[in-house]
Amino acid sequence: MEQPYRILEKIYLIGSSDISHRFDCCVYMLDLGQLVIIDSGASLTFQKILSNIERLGLDLCKIKAVLATHAHIDHIGSLYEFQEKYKAKIIAHELDADAIESGVGIAAEAYGVDYSPCTIDIRLKGAKQTLKFGKYEMQFIHIPGHTPGSIAAYIDIDGKRVLFGQDIHSPYIPEWGADRKLAAVSLKKLVDLKADILCEGHFGVYQPAEEVRRYIEYY
């Protein structure tokens, strides 16, 4: 099994199907003076994710927030545990918030895993929103298509724009909230961000900017 690693100064990959569990999405983390985690995996490997953070030499007590990019079990399974153990603020778009809080329509049956619903602390609204963590600002973009409340996030660090685009590759399954027409518009938004590094939801990290553009445009 592969190990967690640093992508860029302050940005890490701490979980994935190769790093934590075959059901997990890519789980990213930013060390912004406080730890901000992008998605949480499918709930079977919470302790493994924690040990990966410690392996990187970072303090678990600094976990501040977890962003849920969309309401599918492989991305939200451990939100409850982060909230309960570390009082992490859970962030999600309002259009996926009810699914995360209820556990209805999150595709858990496809993975055969249990889900513990959690409360959304910060409901993102509209097309774009900014949140500040320490001295850094993170931008959140509503990108409906994969689910109604799918969001991407990006941050500018050390002269590079890093995009957490998540499930760009699809799948677009209507029963799980997908809409291909909306997805096409959303992917164009991501291309227009001109990111230098893409942190995708299941297929890892793409760079430089030209490779990011090619990857998104392909889908």
N, C-alpha and C. Protein backbone atom coordinates (compact mmCIF):
# COMPACT_ATOMS: atom_id res chain seq x y z
N MET A 1 0.84 -1.20 0.00
CA MET A 1 0.00 0.00 0.00
C MET A 1 0.88 1.25 0.00
N GLU A 2 0.47 2.25 -0.79
CA GLU A 2 1.24 3.48 -0.88
C GLU A 2 1.14 4.29 0.42
N GLN A 3 1.99 5.32 0.53
CA GLN A 3 2.05 6.13 1.73
C GLN A 3 1.51 7.53 1.47
N PRO A 4 1.04 8.22 2.52
CA PRO A 4 0.65 9.62 2.34
C PRO A 4 1.86 10.45 1.96
N TYR A 5 1.64 11.57 1.28
CA TYR A 5 2.78 12.37 0.86
C TYR A 5 2.41 13.84 0.69
N ARG A 6 3.43 14.68 0.66
CA ARG A 6 3.23 16.11 0.46
C ARG A 6 3.18 16.40 -1.04
N ILE A 7 2.14 17.09 -1.47
CA ILE A 7 1.98 17.48 -2.87
C ILE A 7 2.72 18.79 -3.13
N LEU A 8 2.59 19.71 -2.20
CA LEU A 8 3.15 21.05 -2.27
C LEU A 8 3.30 21.51 -0.84
N GLU A 9 4.11 22.52 -0.62
CA GLU A 9 4.20 23.08 0.72
C GLU A 9 2.80 23.35 1.25
N LYS A 10 2.45 22.75 2.38
CA LYS A 10 1.19 22.92 3.08
C LYS A 10 0.05 22.05 2.55
N ILE A 11 0.27 21.24 1.52
CA ILE A 11 -0.81 20.45 0.94
C ILE A 11 -0.38 18.98 0.84
N TYR A 12 -1.26 18.08 1.29
CA TYR A 12 -0.92 16.66 1.41
C TYR A 12 -2.05 15.78 0.87
N LEU A 13 -1.67 14.59 0.42
CA LEU A 13 -2.63 13.52 0.14
C LEU A 13 -2.54 12.53 1.28
N ILE A 14 -3.63 12.34 2.01
CA ILE A 14 -3.59 11.50 3.22
C ILE A 14 -4.45 10.26 3.12
N GLY A 15 -5.22 10.14 2.06
CA GLY A 15 -6.04 8.95 1.88
C GLY A 15 -6.41 8.77 0.42
N SER A 16 -6.66 7.52 0.03
CA SER A 16 -7.10 7.19 -1.33
C SER A 16 -7.32 5.68 -1.37
N SER A 17 -7.75 5.18 -2.51
CA SER A 17 -7.94 3.73 -2.65
C SER A 17 -6.63 2.98 -2.50
N ASP A 18 -5.51 3.66 -2.74
CA ASP A 18 -4.19 3.03 -2.62
C ASP A 18 -3.51 3.30 -1.28
N ILE A 19 -3.98 4.31 -0.56
CA ILE A 19 -3.31 4.74 0.67
C ILE A 19 -4.06 4.31 1.93
N SER A 20 -5.39 4.32 1.88
CA SER A 20 -6.15 4.03 3.10
C SER A 20 -7.11 2.85 2.94
N HIS A 21 -7.98 2.86 1.92
CA HIS A 21 -8.91 1.75 1.72
C HIS A 21 -9.43 1.83 0.28
N ARG A 22 -9.73 0.68 -0.29
CA ARG A 22 -10.16 0.65 -1.69
C ARG A 22 -11.46 1.39 -1.93
N PHE A 23 -12.28 1.63 -0.89
CA PHE A 23 -13.52 2.38 -1.05
C PHE A 23 -13.31 3.89 -0.97
N ASP A 24 -12.16 4.33 -0.54
CA ASP A 24 -11.96 5.76 -0.25
C ASP A 24 -11.73 6.59 -1.50
N CYS A 25 -12.28 7.79 -1.47
CA CYS A 25 -11.89 8.81 -2.43
C CYS A 25 -10.49 9.30 -2.05
N CYS A 26 -9.96 10.21 -2.85
CA CYS A 26 -8.73 10.89 -2.44
C CYS A 26 -9.06 11.88 -1.33
N VAL A 27 -8.35 11.78 -0.24
CA VAL A 27 -8.55 12.66 0.91
C VAL A 27 -7.33 13.57 0.99
N TYR A 28 -7.58 14.86 0.89
CA TYR A 28 -6.49 15.84 0.90
C TYR A 28 -6.52 16.64 2.20
N MET A 29 -5.39 17.25 2.54
CA MET A 29 -5.30 18.05 3.74
C MET A 29 -4.42 19.27 3.50
N LEU A 30 -4.84 20.39 4.05
CA LEU A 30 -4.06 21.62 3.99
C LEU A 30 -3.63 22.00 5.40
N ASP A 31 -2.37 22.32 5.55
CA ASP A 31 -1.83 22.80 6.83
C ASP A 31 -1.70 24.31 6.74
N LEU A 32 -2.73 25.01 7.20
CA LEU A 32 -2.80 26.47 7.11
C LEU A 32 -2.67 27.11 8.49
N GLY A 33 -1.86 26.48 9.35
CA GLY A 33 -1.82 26.86 10.76
C GLY A 33 -2.86 26.07 11.52
N GLN A 34 -3.94 25.75 10.86
CA GLN A 34 -4.96 24.82 11.32
C GLN A 34 -5.17 23.84 10.17
N LEU A 35 -5.54 22.62 10.47
CA LEU A 35 -5.65 21.60 9.44
C LEU A 35 -7.06 21.59 8.84
N VAL A 36 -7.11 21.70 7.53
CA VAL A 36 -8.37 21.66 6.78
C VAL A 36 -8.32 20.42 5.89
N ILE A 37 -9.32 19.56 6.01
CA ILE A 37 -9.34 18.29 5.28
C ILE A 37 -10.40 18.36 4.18
N ILE A 38 -10.05 17.87 3.00
CA ILE A 38 -10.97 17.83 1.88
C ILE A 38 -11.49 16.40 1.74
N ASP A 39 -12.76 16.20 2.09
CA ASP A 39 -13.43 14.89 2.10
C ASP A 39 -12.84 13.99 3.17
N SER A 40 -13.56 12.87 3.45
CA SER A 40 -13.19 12.09 4.63
C SER A 40 -13.04 10.60 4.39
N GLY A 41 -13.26 10.14 3.16
CA GLY A 41 -13.22 8.70 2.93
C GLY A 41 -14.55 8.05 3.27
N ALA A 42 -14.59 6.73 3.15
CA ALA A 42 -15.86 5.99 3.21
C ALA A 42 -16.23 5.47 4.60
N SER A 43 -15.56 5.87 5.63
CA SER A 43 -15.88 5.57 7.04
C SER A 43 -15.17 4.35 7.59
N LEU A 44 -14.58 3.53 6.75
CA LEU A 44 -13.94 2.30 7.25
C LEU A 44 -12.52 2.53 7.74
N THR A 45 -11.97 3.71 7.47
CA THR A 45 -10.54 3.92 7.73
C THR A 45 -10.23 5.21 8.47
N PHE A 46 -11.12 5.63 9.33
CA PHE A 46 -10.89 6.87 10.07
C PHE A 46 -9.55 6.82 10.81
N GLN A 47 -9.28 5.74 11.51
CA GLN A 47 -8.03 5.64 12.26
C GLN A 47 -6.81 5.63 11.34
N LYS A 48 -6.96 5.02 10.18
CA LYS A 48 -5.86 5.02 9.21
C LYS A 48 -5.57 6.43 8.72
N ILE A 49 -6.60 7.20 8.45
CA ILE A 49 -6.40 8.59 8.04
C ILE A 49 -5.68 9.37 9.13
N LEU A 50 -6.09 9.15 10.37
CA LEU A 50 -5.43 9.85 11.49
C LEU A 50 -3.96 9.46 11.58
N SER A 51 -3.68 8.18 11.45
CA SER A 51 -2.28 7.75 11.54
C SER A 51 -1.46 8.31 10.38
N ASN A 52 -2.08 8.48 9.23
CA ASN A 52 -1.37 9.08 8.10
C ASN A 52 -1.03 10.55 8.36
N ILE A 53 -1.93 11.25 9.03
CA ILE A 53 -1.64 12.64 9.40
C ILE A 53 -0.46 12.69 10.36
N GLU A 54 -0.46 11.82 11.35
CA GLU A 54 0.65 11.77 12.30
C GLU A 54 1.95 11.35 11.62
N ARG A 55 1.86 10.46 10.66
CA ARG A 55 3.04 10.01 9.93
C ARG A 55 3.73 11.19 9.23
N LEU A 56 2.94 12.16 8.84
CA LEU A 56 3.47 13.35 8.17
C LEU A 56 4.01 14.39 9.16
N GLY A 57 3.90 14.08 10.46
CA GLY A 57 4.44 14.96 11.48
C GLY A 57 3.53 16.10 11.88
N LEU A 58 2.23 15.93 11.63
CA LEU A 58 1.28 17.00 11.92
C LEU A 58 0.42 16.66 13.14
N ASP A 59 -0.06 17.69 13.80
CA ASP A 59 -0.76 17.57 15.07
C ASP A 59 -2.26 17.40 14.84
N LEU A 60 -2.80 16.27 15.27
CA LEU A 60 -4.23 16.00 15.09
C LEU A 60 -5.11 17.03 15.79
N CYS A 61 -4.60 17.61 16.86
CA CYS A 61 -5.39 18.59 17.61
C CYS A 61 -5.64 19.87 16.81
N LYS A 62 -4.94 20.03 15.70
CA LYS A 62 -5.11 21.22 14.87
C LYS A 62 -6.16 21.03 13.78
N ILE A 63 -6.81 19.86 13.76
CA ILE A 63 -7.88 19.65 12.78
C ILE A 63 -9.01 20.64 13.06
N LYS A 64 -9.30 21.47 12.06
CA LYS A 64 -10.25 22.57 12.25
C LYS A 64 -11.55 22.36 11.47
N ALA A 65 -11.42 21.86 10.24
CA ALA A 65 -12.60 21.79 9.37
C ALA A 65 -12.43 20.65 8.38
N VAL A 66 -13.59 20.12 7.93
CA VAL A 66 -13.61 19.12 6.87
C VAL A 66 -14.62 19.57 5.82
N LEU A 67 -14.15 19.69 4.59
CA LEU A 67 -15.01 20.06 3.48
C LEU A 67 -15.57 18.79 2.84
N ALA A 68 -16.88 18.71 2.72
CA ALA A 68 -17.53 17.62 1.99
C ALA A 68 -17.83 18.13 0.58
N THR A 69 -17.09 17.65 -0.41
CA THR A 69 -17.28 18.18 -1.76
C THR A 69 -18.62 17.77 -2.36
N HIS A 70 -19.15 16.62 -1.93
CA HIS A 70 -20.49 16.22 -2.36
C HIS A 70 -20.95 15.04 -1.50
N ALA A 71 -22.24 14.75 -1.60
CA ALA A 71 -22.87 13.81 -0.67
C ALA A 71 -22.87 12.37 -1.17
N HIS A 72 -21.68 11.83 -1.39
CA HIS A 72 -21.55 10.39 -1.68
C HIS A 72 -20.72 9.75 -0.58
N ILE A 73 -21.06 8.53 -0.23
CA ILE A 73 -20.50 7.87 0.95
C ILE A 73 -18.98 7.81 0.95
N ASP A 74 -18.36 7.64 -0.22
CA ASP A 74 -16.90 7.53 -0.26
C ASP A 74 -16.20 8.84 0.04
N HIS A 75 -16.98 9.93 0.12
CA HIS A 75 -16.43 11.24 0.45
C HIS A 75 -16.86 11.74 1.83
N ILE A 76 -17.93 11.18 2.37
CA ILE A 76 -18.48 11.73 3.61
C ILE A 76 -18.53 10.74 4.77
N GLY A 77 -18.06 9.52 4.56
CA GLY A 77 -18.26 8.47 5.55
C GLY A 77 -17.74 8.75 6.94
N SER A 78 -16.62 9.48 7.06
CA SER A 78 -16.02 9.74 8.37
C SER A 78 -16.28 11.14 8.90
N LEU A 79 -17.18 11.89 8.28
CA LEU A 79 -17.45 13.25 8.76
C LEU A 79 -17.87 13.25 10.22
N TYR A 80 -18.77 12.33 10.57
CA TYR A 80 -19.28 12.28 11.95
C TYR A 80 -18.13 12.10 12.94
N GLU A 81 -17.18 11.23 12.61
CA GLU A 81 -16.08 10.97 13.54
C GLU A 81 -15.17 12.17 13.69
N PHE A 82 -14.90 12.88 12.61
CA PHE A 82 -14.10 14.10 12.71
C PHE A 82 -14.82 15.15 13.56
N GLN A 83 -16.11 15.23 13.40
CA GLN A 83 -16.89 16.20 14.16
C GLN A 83 -16.94 15.83 15.64
N GLU A 84 -17.16 14.56 15.93
CA GLU A 84 -17.27 14.11 17.31
C GLU A 84 -15.94 14.17 18.06
N LYS A 85 -14.87 13.70 17.43
CA LYS A 85 -13.59 13.58 18.13
C LYS A 85 -12.81 14.88 18.18
N TYR A 86 -12.89 15.68 17.09
CA TYR A 86 -12.05 16.88 17.01
C TYR A 86 -12.85 18.17 16.93
N LYS A 87 -14.18 18.06 17.02
CA LYS A 87 -15.05 19.24 16.92
C LYS A 87 -14.81 19.99 15.61
N ALA A 88 -14.44 19.25 14.58
CA ALA A 88 -14.18 19.86 13.28
C ALA A 88 -15.48 20.43 12.71
N LYS A 89 -15.38 21.61 12.10
CA LYS A 89 -16.52 22.21 11.43
C LYS A 89 -16.72 21.51 10.08
N ILE A 90 -17.92 21.04 9.84
CA ILE A 90 -18.22 20.36 8.58
C ILE A 90 -18.80 21.38 7.61
N ILE A 91 -18.21 21.43 6.43
CA ILE A 91 -18.59 22.40 5.41
C ILE A 91 -19.17 21.65 4.21
N ALA A 92 -20.33 22.11 3.72
CA ALA A 92 -20.93 21.51 2.53
C ALA A 92 -21.87 22.53 1.89
N HIS A 93 -22.17 22.31 0.62
CA HIS A 93 -23.14 23.19 -0.04
C HIS A 93 -24.54 22.85 0.44
N GLU A 94 -25.37 23.86 0.53
CA GLU A 94 -26.72 23.66 1.07
C GLU A 94 -27.53 22.64 0.26
N LEU A 95 -27.25 22.49 -1.03
CA LEU A 95 -28.03 21.57 -1.85
C LEU A 95 -27.68 20.10 -1.61
N ASP A 96 -26.55 19.83 -0.98
CA ASP A 96 -26.21 18.45 -0.59
C ASP A 96 -26.28 18.26 0.92
N ALA A 97 -26.54 19.33 1.65
CA ALA A 97 -26.48 19.27 3.12
C ALA A 97 -27.52 18.32 3.70
N ASP A 98 -28.75 18.33 3.17
CA ASP A 98 -29.79 17.47 3.72
C ASP A 98 -29.44 16.00 3.57
N ALA A 99 -28.85 15.64 2.43
CA ALA A 99 -28.45 14.25 2.22
C ALA A 99 -27.38 13.84 3.21
N ILE A 100 -26.42 14.72 3.47
CA ILE A 100 -25.35 14.42 4.42
C ILE A 100 -25.91 14.29 5.84
N GLU A 101 -26.86 15.12 6.17
CA GLU A 101 -27.42 15.10 7.52
C GLU A 101 -28.39 13.94 7.74
N SER A 102 -29.01 13.45 6.66
CA SER A 102 -30.00 12.37 6.78
C SER A 102 -29.46 11.00 6.39
N GLY A 103 -28.47 10.99 5.50
CA GLY A 103 -27.97 9.72 4.98
C GLY A 103 -28.81 9.16 3.85
N VAL A 104 -29.75 9.93 3.35
CA VAL A 104 -30.62 9.49 2.25
C VAL A 104 -30.02 9.93 0.92
N GLY A 105 -29.87 8.99 0.00
CA GLY A 105 -29.39 9.32 -1.34
C GLY A 105 -27.89 9.51 -1.44
N ILE A 106 -27.12 8.87 -0.55
CA ILE A 106 -25.67 9.06 -0.54
C ILE A 106 -24.91 7.87 -1.16
N ALA A 107 -25.65 6.94 -1.75
CA ALA A 107 -25.06 5.78 -2.43
C ALA A 107 -24.35 4.81 -1.48
N ALA A 108 -24.71 4.84 -0.21
CA ALA A 108 -24.07 3.93 0.75
C ALA A 108 -24.35 2.47 0.42
N GLU A 109 -25.53 2.21 -0.16
CA GLU A 109 -25.89 0.82 -0.47
C GLU A 109 -24.96 0.22 -1.52
N ALA A 110 -24.40 1.06 -2.37
CA ALA A 110 -23.50 0.57 -3.41
C ALA A 110 -22.18 0.06 -2.83
N TYR A 111 -21.82 0.56 -1.66
CA TYR A 111 -20.57 0.17 -1.01
C TYR A 111 -20.80 -0.84 0.12
N GLY A 112 -22.04 -0.96 0.57
CA GLY A 112 -22.34 -1.88 1.65
C GLY A 112 -21.73 -1.47 2.98
N VAL A 113 -21.65 -0.16 3.23
CA VAL A 113 -21.09 0.32 4.49
C VAL A 113 -22.14 1.14 5.24
N ASP A 114 -22.00 1.18 6.56
CA ASP A 114 -22.90 1.98 7.39
C ASP A 114 -22.47 3.44 7.39
N TYR A 115 -23.44 4.31 7.61
CA TYR A 115 -23.16 5.75 7.63
C TYR A 115 -23.77 6.37 8.87
N SER A 116 -22.97 7.19 9.56
CA SER A 116 -23.47 7.96 10.71
C SER A 116 -23.66 9.40 10.28
N PRO A 117 -24.90 9.87 10.19
CA PRO A 117 -25.14 11.25 9.76
C PRO A 117 -24.50 12.25 10.71
N CYS A 118 -24.18 13.42 10.18
CA CYS A 118 -23.61 14.49 11.00
C CYS A 118 -24.31 15.80 10.67
N THR A 119 -24.05 16.80 11.47
CA THR A 119 -24.62 18.13 11.27
C THR A 119 -23.67 18.98 10.43
N ILE A 120 -24.22 19.68 9.45
CA ILE A 120 -23.42 20.61 8.66
C ILE A 120 -23.30 21.92 9.43
N ASP A 121 -22.09 22.32 9.73
CA ASP A 121 -21.86 23.56 10.49
C ASP A 121 -21.86 24.79 9.60
N ILE A 122 -21.33 24.65 8.40
CA ILE A 122 -21.25 25.77 7.47
C ILE A 122 -21.88 25.35 6.16
N ARG A 123 -23.04 25.93 5.86
CA ARG A 123 -23.74 25.63 4.60
C ARG A 123 -23.37 26.69 3.57
N LEU A 124 -22.65 26.27 2.56
CA LEU A 124 -22.29 27.19 1.49
C LEU A 124 -23.51 27.45 0.62
N LYS A 125 -23.62 28.69 0.15
CA LYS A 125 -24.79 29.08 -0.65
C LYS A 125 -24.34 29.78 -1.92
N GLY A 126 -25.15 29.63 -2.95
CA GLY A 126 -24.88 30.36 -4.17
C GLY A 126 -23.73 29.78 -4.97
N ALA A 127 -23.23 30.59 -5.92
CA ALA A 127 -22.25 30.12 -6.89
C ALA A 127 -20.83 30.14 -6.35
N LYS A 128 -20.54 31.04 -5.41
CA LYS A 128 -19.15 31.17 -4.95
C LYS A 128 -19.14 31.75 -3.54
N GLN A 129 -18.21 31.28 -2.74
CA GLN A 129 -18.07 31.77 -1.37
C GLN A 129 -16.62 31.65 -0.94
N THR A 130 -16.21 32.53 -0.02
CA THR A 130 -14.84 32.54 0.47
C THR A 130 -14.84 32.30 1.97
N LEU A 131 -13.94 31.43 2.43
CA LEU A 131 -13.73 31.24 3.86
C LEU A 131 -12.26 31.44 4.16
N LYS A 132 -11.97 31.96 5.33
CA LYS A 132 -10.59 32.24 5.71
C LYS A 132 -10.14 31.24 6.78
N PHE A 133 -8.95 30.71 6.58
CA PHE A 133 -8.31 29.81 7.54
C PHE A 133 -6.93 30.38 7.85
N GLY A 134 -6.76 30.88 9.07
CA GLY A 134 -5.52 31.57 9.38
C GLY A 134 -5.40 32.78 8.48
N LYS A 135 -4.25 32.93 7.81
CA LYS A 135 -4.05 34.06 6.91
C LYS A 135 -4.42 33.73 5.47
N TYR A 136 -4.93 32.52 5.23
CA TYR A 136 -5.22 32.07 3.88
C TYR A 136 -6.71 32.11 3.58
N GLU A 137 -7.03 32.47 2.36
CA GLU A 137 -8.41 32.44 1.90
C GLU A 137 -8.61 31.27 0.94
N MET A 138 -9.68 30.52 1.14
CA MET A 138 -10.03 29.44 0.24
C MET A 138 -11.34 29.79 -0.45
N GLN A 139 -11.35 29.58 -1.76
CA GLN A 139 -12.54 29.88 -2.55
C GLN A 139 -13.32 28.60 -2.81
N PHE A 140 -14.63 28.67 -2.68
CA PHE A 140 -15.50 27.53 -2.90
C PHE A 140 -16.43 27.83 -4.07
N ILE A 141 -16.47 26.92 -5.04
CA ILE A 141 -17.24 27.11 -6.26
C ILE A 141 -18.32 26.04 -6.35
N HIS A 142 -19.55 26.44 -6.57
CA HIS A 142 -20.64 25.48 -6.76
C HIS A 142 -20.52 24.89 -8.17
N ILE A 143 -20.38 23.57 -8.27
CA ILE A 143 -20.25 22.92 -9.57
C ILE A 143 -21.26 21.76 -9.68
N PRO A 144 -22.55 22.08 -9.78
CA PRO A 144 -23.56 21.02 -9.88
C PRO A 144 -23.33 20.16 -11.11
N GLY A 145 -23.78 18.92 -11.02
CA GLY A 145 -23.63 17.99 -12.13
C GLY A 145 -23.41 16.57 -11.64
N HIS A 146 -22.39 16.39 -10.83
CA HIS A 146 -22.16 15.08 -10.21
C HIS A 146 -23.23 14.84 -9.15
N THR A 147 -23.49 15.86 -8.34
CA THR A 147 -24.65 15.94 -7.45
C THR A 147 -25.15 17.38 -7.50
N PRO A 148 -26.35 17.67 -6.99
CA PRO A 148 -26.85 19.04 -7.02
C PRO A 148 -25.97 20.02 -6.26
N GLY A 149 -25.36 19.56 -5.16
CA GLY A 149 -24.56 20.47 -4.33
C GLY A 149 -23.07 20.22 -4.40
N SER A 150 -22.59 19.66 -5.50
CA SER A 150 -21.15 19.45 -5.64
C SER A 150 -20.41 20.78 -5.61
N ILE A 151 -19.25 20.78 -4.94
CA ILE A 151 -18.44 21.98 -4.90
C ILE A 151 -16.97 21.63 -5.16
N ALA A 152 -16.27 22.59 -5.72
CA ALA A 152 -14.82 22.53 -5.84
C ALA A 152 -14.27 23.63 -4.95
N ALA A 153 -12.99 23.52 -4.62
CA ALA A 153 -12.33 24.56 -3.83
C ALA A 153 -10.96 24.83 -4.44
N TYR A 154 -10.51 26.07 -4.32
CA TYR A 154 -9.15 26.35 -4.76
C TYR A 154 -8.49 27.35 -3.83
N ILE A 155 -7.17 27.31 -3.83
CA ILE A 155 -6.38 28.19 -2.98
C ILE A 155 -5.09 28.53 -3.72
N ASP A 156 -4.63 29.75 -3.54
CA ASP A 156 -3.36 30.20 -4.14
C ASP A 156 -2.28 30.17 -3.08
N ILE A 157 -1.28 29.31 -3.28
CA ILE A 157 -0.19 29.14 -2.33
C ILE A 157 1.14 29.12 -3.08
N ASP A 158 2.10 29.91 -2.61
CA ASP A 158 3.45 29.91 -3.18
C ASP A 158 3.42 30.12 -4.69
N GLY A 159 2.54 31.02 -5.13
CA GLY A 159 2.50 31.35 -6.54
C GLY A 159 1.79 30.33 -7.41
N LYS A 160 1.18 29.32 -6.82
CA LYS A 160 0.47 28.30 -7.58
C LYS A 160 -0.99 28.23 -7.16
N ARG A 161 -1.85 28.04 -8.13
CA ARG A 161 -3.27 27.83 -7.84
C ARG A 161 -3.54 26.34 -7.77
N VAL A 162 -4.02 25.88 -6.62
CA VAL A 162 -4.30 24.47 -6.40
C VAL A 162 -5.81 24.29 -6.35
N LEU A 163 -6.31 23.43 -7.23
CA LEU A 163 -7.74 23.19 -7.37
C LEU A 163 -8.09 21.81 -6.83
N PHE A 164 -9.04 21.78 -5.90
CA PHE A 164 -9.59 20.52 -5.41
C PHE A 164 -10.90 20.30 -6.17
N GLY A 165 -10.76 19.66 -7.34
CA GLY A 165 -11.90 19.54 -8.25
C GLY A 165 -12.78 18.35 -7.94
N GLN A 166 -12.21 17.38 -7.27
CA GLN A 166 -12.88 16.13 -6.89
C GLN A 166 -13.42 15.37 -8.09
N ASP A 167 -14.64 14.89 -8.12
CA ASP A 167 -15.01 13.84 -9.08
C ASP A 167 -15.29 14.38 -10.48
N ILE A 168 -14.29 14.97 -11.08
CA ILE A 168 -14.37 15.46 -12.45
C ILE A 168 -14.65 14.32 -13.42
N HIS A 169 -14.08 13.16 -13.13
CA HIS A 169 -14.15 12.02 -14.04
C HIS A 169 -15.54 11.39 -14.12
N SER A 170 -16.48 11.83 -13.33
CA SER A 170 -17.83 11.26 -13.21
C SER A 170 -17.82 10.23 -12.07
N PRO A 171 -18.71 9.25 -11.96
CA PRO A 171 -19.78 8.92 -12.90
C PRO A 171 -20.98 9.86 -12.76
N TYR A 172 -21.76 9.94 -13.81
CA TYR A 172 -22.94 10.79 -13.80
C TYR A 172 -24.18 9.89 -13.80
N ILE A 173 -24.59 9.51 -12.60
CA ILE A 173 -25.70 8.57 -12.41
C ILE A 173 -26.90 9.34 -11.88
N PRO A 174 -27.99 9.46 -12.68
CA PRO A 174 -29.14 10.26 -12.25
C PRO A 174 -29.69 9.86 -10.89
N GLU A 175 -29.69 8.54 -10.60
CA GLU A 175 -30.22 8.08 -9.31
C GLU A 175 -29.40 8.58 -8.13
N TRP A 176 -28.17 8.99 -8.40
CA TRP A 176 -27.31 9.54 -7.35
C TRP A 176 -27.20 11.07 -7.45
N GLY A 177 -28.14 11.67 -8.19
CA GLY A 177 -28.22 13.14 -8.22
C GLY A 177 -27.50 13.80 -9.38
N ALA A 178 -27.09 13.03 -10.39
CA ALA A 178 -26.28 13.61 -11.47
C ALA A 178 -27.12 14.26 -12.56
N ASP A 179 -26.50 15.23 -13.23
CA ASP A 179 -27.10 15.92 -14.38
C ASP A 179 -25.96 16.27 -15.34
N ARG A 180 -25.89 15.59 -16.47
CA ARG A 180 -24.76 15.76 -17.39
C ARG A 180 -24.69 17.17 -17.97
N LYS A 181 -25.83 17.78 -18.25
CA LYS A 181 -25.82 19.14 -18.83
C LYS A 181 -25.24 20.14 -17.84
N LEU A 182 -25.64 20.03 -16.59
CA LEU A 182 -25.07 20.92 -15.57
C LEU A 182 -23.59 20.64 -15.38
N ALA A 183 -23.21 19.37 -15.48
CA ALA A 183 -21.80 19.00 -15.30
C ALA A 183 -20.92 19.65 -16.36
N ALA A 184 -21.39 19.69 -17.60
CA ALA A 184 -20.61 20.29 -18.68
C ALA A 184 -20.34 21.77 -18.41
N VAL A 185 -21.33 22.46 -17.90
CA VAL A 185 -21.17 23.88 -17.56
C VAL A 185 -20.19 24.03 -16.40
N SER A 186 -20.32 23.17 -15.43
CA SER A 186 -19.45 23.23 -14.25
C SER A 186 -17.99 22.97 -14.60
N LEU A 187 -17.75 21.99 -15.47
CA LEU A 187 -16.38 21.68 -15.86
C LEU A 187 -15.74 22.85 -16.60
N LYS A 188 -16.54 23.57 -17.37
CA LYS A 188 -16.01 24.78 -18.04
C LYS A 188 -15.57 25.81 -17.00
N LYS A 189 -16.32 25.93 -15.91
CA LYS A 189 -15.92 26.84 -14.82
C LYS A 189 -14.54 26.47 -14.28
N LEU A 190 -14.31 25.17 -14.15
CA LEU A 190 -13.03 24.72 -13.60
C LEU A 190 -11.88 24.98 -14.56
N VAL A 191 -12.12 24.78 -15.84
CA VAL A 191 -11.09 25.11 -16.83
C VAL A 191 -10.71 26.58 -16.74
N ASP A 192 -11.73 27.43 -16.59
CA ASP A 192 -11.51 28.88 -16.56
C ASP A 192 -10.71 29.35 -15.34
N LEU A 193 -10.60 28.51 -14.32
CA LEU A 193 -9.82 28.88 -13.14
C LEU A 193 -8.32 28.86 -13.41
N LYS A 194 -7.90 28.15 -14.49
CA LYS A 194 -6.49 28.08 -14.87
C LYS A 194 -5.60 27.62 -13.71
N ALA A 195 -5.99 26.51 -13.11
CA ALA A 195 -5.23 25.98 -11.98
C ALA A 195 -3.89 25.39 -12.43
N ASP A 196 -2.89 25.51 -11.57
CA ASP A 196 -1.58 24.92 -11.83
C ASP A 196 -1.51 23.46 -11.40
N ILE A 197 -2.30 23.12 -10.38
CA ILE A 197 -2.32 21.76 -9.85
C ILE A 197 -3.78 21.37 -9.62
N LEU A 198 -4.15 20.20 -10.07
CA LEU A 198 -5.48 19.65 -9.82
C LEU A 198 -5.37 18.47 -8.88
N CYS A 199 -6.13 18.52 -7.79
CA CYS A 199 -6.26 17.39 -6.88
C CYS A 199 -7.63 16.77 -7.14
N GLU A 200 -7.64 15.66 -7.88
CA GLU A 200 -8.89 15.04 -8.34
C GLU A 200 -9.41 14.08 -7.29
N GLY A 201 -10.67 13.68 -7.44
CA GLY A 201 -11.34 12.92 -6.40
C GLY A 201 -10.97 11.47 -6.27
N HIS A 202 -10.46 10.87 -7.35
CA HIS A 202 -10.10 9.46 -7.29
C HIS A 202 -8.82 9.12 -8.03
N PHE A 203 -8.39 9.99 -8.90
CA PHE A 203 -7.24 9.67 -9.75
C PHE A 203 -6.00 10.50 -9.43
N GLY A 204 -5.99 11.15 -8.27
CA GLY A 204 -4.77 11.78 -7.81
C GLY A 204 -4.51 13.17 -8.34
N VAL A 205 -3.22 13.49 -8.49
CA VAL A 205 -2.77 14.86 -8.70
C VAL A 205 -2.28 15.04 -10.14
N TYR A 206 -2.72 16.14 -10.76
CA TYR A 206 -2.31 16.48 -12.11
C TYR A 206 -1.65 17.85 -12.13
N GLN A 207 -0.54 17.95 -12.83
CA GLN A 207 0.18 19.20 -13.03
C GLN A 207 1.17 19.02 -14.18
N PRO A 208 1.59 20.12 -14.82
CA PRO A 208 1.32 21.54 -14.58
C PRO A 208 -0.02 21.98 -15.18
N ALA A 209 -0.18 23.29 -15.37
CA ALA A 209 -1.46 23.87 -15.78
C ALA A 209 -1.99 23.27 -17.07
N GLU A 210 -1.12 23.02 -18.04
CA GLU A 210 -1.57 22.48 -19.31
C GLU A 210 -2.15 21.07 -19.14
N GLU A 211 -1.56 20.29 -18.27
CA GLU A 211 -2.07 18.94 -17.99
C GLU A 211 -3.41 19.01 -17.27
N VAL A 212 -3.55 19.98 -16.37
CA VAL A 212 -4.82 20.19 -15.67
C VAL A 212 -5.91 20.52 -16.68
N ARG A 213 -5.61 21.45 -17.58
CA ARG A 213 -6.60 21.85 -18.59
C ARG A 213 -7.00 20.67 -19.45
N ARG A 214 -6.04 19.89 -19.92
CA ARG A 214 -6.33 18.74 -20.77
C ARG A 214 -7.20 17.71 -20.04
N TYR A 215 -6.89 17.48 -18.77
CA TYR A 215 -7.64 16.48 -18.01
C TYR A 215 -9.11 16.88 -17.89
N ILE A 216 -9.36 18.14 -17.49
CA ILE A 216 -10.74 18.59 -17.31
C ILE A 216 -11.48 18.60 -18.64
N GLU A 217 -10.85 19.12 -19.69
CA GLU A 217 -11.51 19.22 -20.98
C GLU A 217 -11.87 17.84 -21.55
N TYR A 218 -11.07 16.83 -21.22
CA TYR A 218 -11.36 15.49 -21.70
C TYR A 218 -12.75 15.03 -21.28
N TYR A 219 -13.14 15.40 -20.06
CA TYR A 219 -14.42 14.96 -19.52
C TYR A 219 -15.57 15.91 -19.88
